[in-house]
Protein backbone atom coordinates (compact mmCIF):
# COMPACT_ATOMS: atom_id res chain seq x y z
CA MET A 1 0.37 -0.40 -0.09
CA SER A 2 1.07 3.57 -0.87
CA PRO A 3 2.44 5.85 2.21
CA THR A 4 -0.26 8.46 2.36
CA PHE A 5 1.65 12.44 3.29
CA SER A 6 -0.76 12.22 6.07
CA GLU A 7 0.84 9.32 7.95
CA LEU A 8 4.24 10.98 7.20
CA THR A 9 7.13 12.10 9.42
CA ALA A 10 10.56 14.34 9.15
CA GLY A 11 13.75 11.94 9.59
CA GLN A 12 11.18 8.63 9.25
CA ASP A 13 13.28 5.99 7.25
CA ILE A 14 11.66 4.49 4.03
CA GLY A 15 13.40 1.58 3.26
CA SER A 16 16.60 0.25 2.01
CA ARG A 17 18.03 -1.99 -0.82
CA THR A 18 21.29 -3.58 -2.48
CA VAL A 19 21.61 -3.67 -6.25
CA GLU A 20 24.19 -5.93 -7.55
CA VAL A 21 25.80 -5.00 -10.80
CA SER A 22 27.31 -6.87 -13.24
CA ARG A 23 29.03 -6.03 -16.07
CA THR A 24 26.56 -7.86 -18.37
CA ASP A 25 24.44 -5.10 -17.31
CA LEU A 26 26.05 -2.56 -18.14
CA VAL A 27 25.64 -3.43 -21.11
CA LYS A 28 22.10 -3.82 -21.74
CA TYR A 29 22.55 -1.13 -19.75
CA ALA A 30 24.43 0.71 -22.68
CA GLY A 31 22.07 -0.63 -25.32
CA ALA A 32 19.33 1.18 -23.41
CA SER A 33 20.57 3.96 -23.12
CA GLY A 34 22.50 4.34 -25.97
CA ASP A 35 25.57 5.87 -24.58
CA PHE A 36 28.48 3.11 -25.21
CA ASN A 37 30.93 5.01 -24.36
CA PRO A 38 33.91 2.09 -23.83
CA ILE A 39 34.86 3.02 -20.15
CA HIS A 40 32.00 1.64 -18.93
CA TRP A 41 32.30 -2.35 -20.57
CA ASN A 42 35.84 -2.34 -21.81
CA GLU A 43 38.83 -2.56 -18.72
CA ALA A 44 41.72 -1.48 -21.08
CA PHE A 45 40.51 1.52 -22.40
CA ALA A 46 39.33 3.02 -18.93
CA THR A 47 42.48 1.90 -17.14
CA GLY A 48 43.70 4.01 -20.02
CA VAL A 49 42.08 6.81 -19.65
CA GLU A 50 43.19 6.46 -15.87
CA LEU A 51 40.10 5.11 -14.21
CA PRO A 52 40.85 2.27 -11.87
CA GLY A 53 38.91 -0.01 -13.90
CA VAL A 54 35.36 0.08 -15.70
CA ILE A 55 32.34 2.17 -14.03
CA ALA A 56 29.03 2.12 -14.13
CA HIS A 57 26.74 5.17 -16.02
CA GLY A 58 25.88 7.94 -13.94
CA MET A 59 22.71 7.64 -14.72
CA PHE A 60 22.58 3.57 -13.54
CA THR A 61 23.35 4.36 -10.53
CA MET A 62 20.76 7.43 -10.41
CA GLY A 63 18.56 4.74 -11.67
CA ALA A 64 19.25 2.64 -9.41
CA ALA A 65 18.95 4.45 -6.17
CA VAL A 66 15.47 6.27 -6.95
CA GLN A 67 14.28 2.95 -7.52
CA LEU A 68 13.82 2.43 -3.94
CA VAL A 69 11.93 6.02 -4.05
CA THR A 70 9.36 5.05 -6.83
CA ASP A 71 9.05 1.52 -5.15
CA TRP A 72 8.15 3.13 -1.82
CA ALA A 73 5.94 5.79 -3.10
CA GLY A 74 4.04 2.86 -5.42
CA ASP A 75 3.81 5.28 -8.20
CA PRO A 76 6.74 6.24 -10.52
CA ALA A 77 5.08 9.11 -11.37
CA ALA A 78 4.64 10.10 -7.96
CA VAL A 79 8.71 11.20 -8.19
CA VAL A 80 8.41 15.18 -9.15
CA ASP A 81 11.97 16.13 -9.65
CA PHE A 82 14.90 14.07 -8.32
CA GLN A 83 18.91 15.90 -8.03
CA THR A 84 22.11 14.24 -6.86
CA ARG A 85 25.44 15.10 -7.45
CA PHE A 86 28.37 12.39 -8.64
CA THR A 87 31.17 11.93 -6.09
CA LYS A 88 32.82 8.52 -6.87
CA PRO A 89 32.72 6.36 -9.38
CA VAL A 90 30.62 2.91 -9.02
CA LEU A 91 33.61 0.32 -9.91
CA VAL A 92 32.42 -2.97 -11.96
CA ALA A 93 34.72 -6.13 -11.75
CA ASP A 94 34.55 -8.84 -14.54
CA THR A 95 33.63 -11.28 -12.92
CA THR A 96 32.16 -13.33 -15.61
CA GLY A 97 31.39 -16.96 -15.24
CA THR A 98 30.81 -16.60 -11.60
CA THR A 99 27.75 -15.82 -9.49
CA GLU A 100 29.37 -12.75 -7.99
CA PRO A 101 28.49 -9.19 -9.47
CA GLY A 102 30.89 -6.99 -9.91
CA ALA A 103 30.09 -4.06 -7.64
CA THR A 104 27.45 -3.82 -5.15
CA ILE A 105 25.12 -0.67 -4.51
CA GLU A 106 23.76 0.13 -0.92
CA VAL A 107 20.98 2.57 -1.06
CA SER A 108 18.63 3.95 1.94
CA GLY A 109 16.70 6.60 2.32
CA ALA A 110 14.58 9.08 4.90
CA ILE A 111 12.34 11.82 4.93
CA GLY A 112 13.91 14.99 4.91
CA LYS A 113 11.73 17.51 4.05
CA LEU A 114 7.65 18.01 4.49
CA ASP A 115 5.70 20.89 2.26
CA ALA A 116 1.88 20.48 3.90
CA ASP A 117 1.51 23.46 1.01
CA ALA A 118 2.68 21.79 -1.76
CA GLY A 119 1.78 18.13 -0.63
CA THR A 120 5.16 16.70 -1.42
CA ALA A 121 7.84 15.62 0.59
CA ARG A 122 11.87 15.52 0.24
CA VAL A 123 13.14 12.03 0.45
CA ASP A 124 16.88 12.04 1.49
CA LEU A 125 19.14 8.92 -0.02
CA THR A 126 22.02 7.60 1.18
CA VAL A 127 24.60 5.86 -2.12
CA VAL A 128 27.27 3.65 -0.93
CA SER A 129 29.47 1.33 -3.34
CA ALA A 130 32.63 -0.26 -2.19
CA GLY A 131 32.15 1.49 1.46
CA GLN A 132 31.97 5.26 -0.06
CA LYS A 133 29.35 7.62 -0.95
CA VAL A 134 29.08 7.51 -4.84
CA LEU A 135 26.24 10.09 -5.29
CA MET A 136 25.30 13.26 -2.58
CA LYS A 137 22.46 14.91 -1.78
CA ALA A 138 20.68 12.56 -3.43
CA GLN A 139 17.29 14.20 -3.12
CA ALA A 140 14.15 12.70 -4.41
CA VAL A 141 10.41 14.87 -4.14
CA VAL A 142 7.73 12.96 -3.69
CA ARG A 143 3.83 14.03 -4.12
CA LEU A 144 1.69 11.84 -2.20
CA SER A 145 -2.00 11.81 -1.75
CA GLY A 146 -3.56 13.55 1.81
CA SER A 147 -4.85 11.29 3.51
């Protein structure tokens, strides 16, 4: 059941999720998004441009993070704004032939602010991979029904 605005309080936890990422996921995302930059799938190219290895697309990481909010809200259209700043790349190791993910992204969220006049809640997200925050000021504004 979707939350209603009246039952929310600032600081309230909305949950968490772990997203496992493989290089296959990055190739699939490249096909869907049209972003075929080789830093997202080619180890030699990525290290050749002085990256520590293959990195996930920034928009892939943002999408993985905001999915927590859309699942919680029960409707993707409830998210009326989403902004963030990228701070660290998500490194995705080559784990081809194993069941291990190349990376994990840990996402948790809490209500940061309520705006009764607009009927919106700002959800503040914490997004971590390999023990480091990969997104800062990740905030989604959600419009929910009143009661």
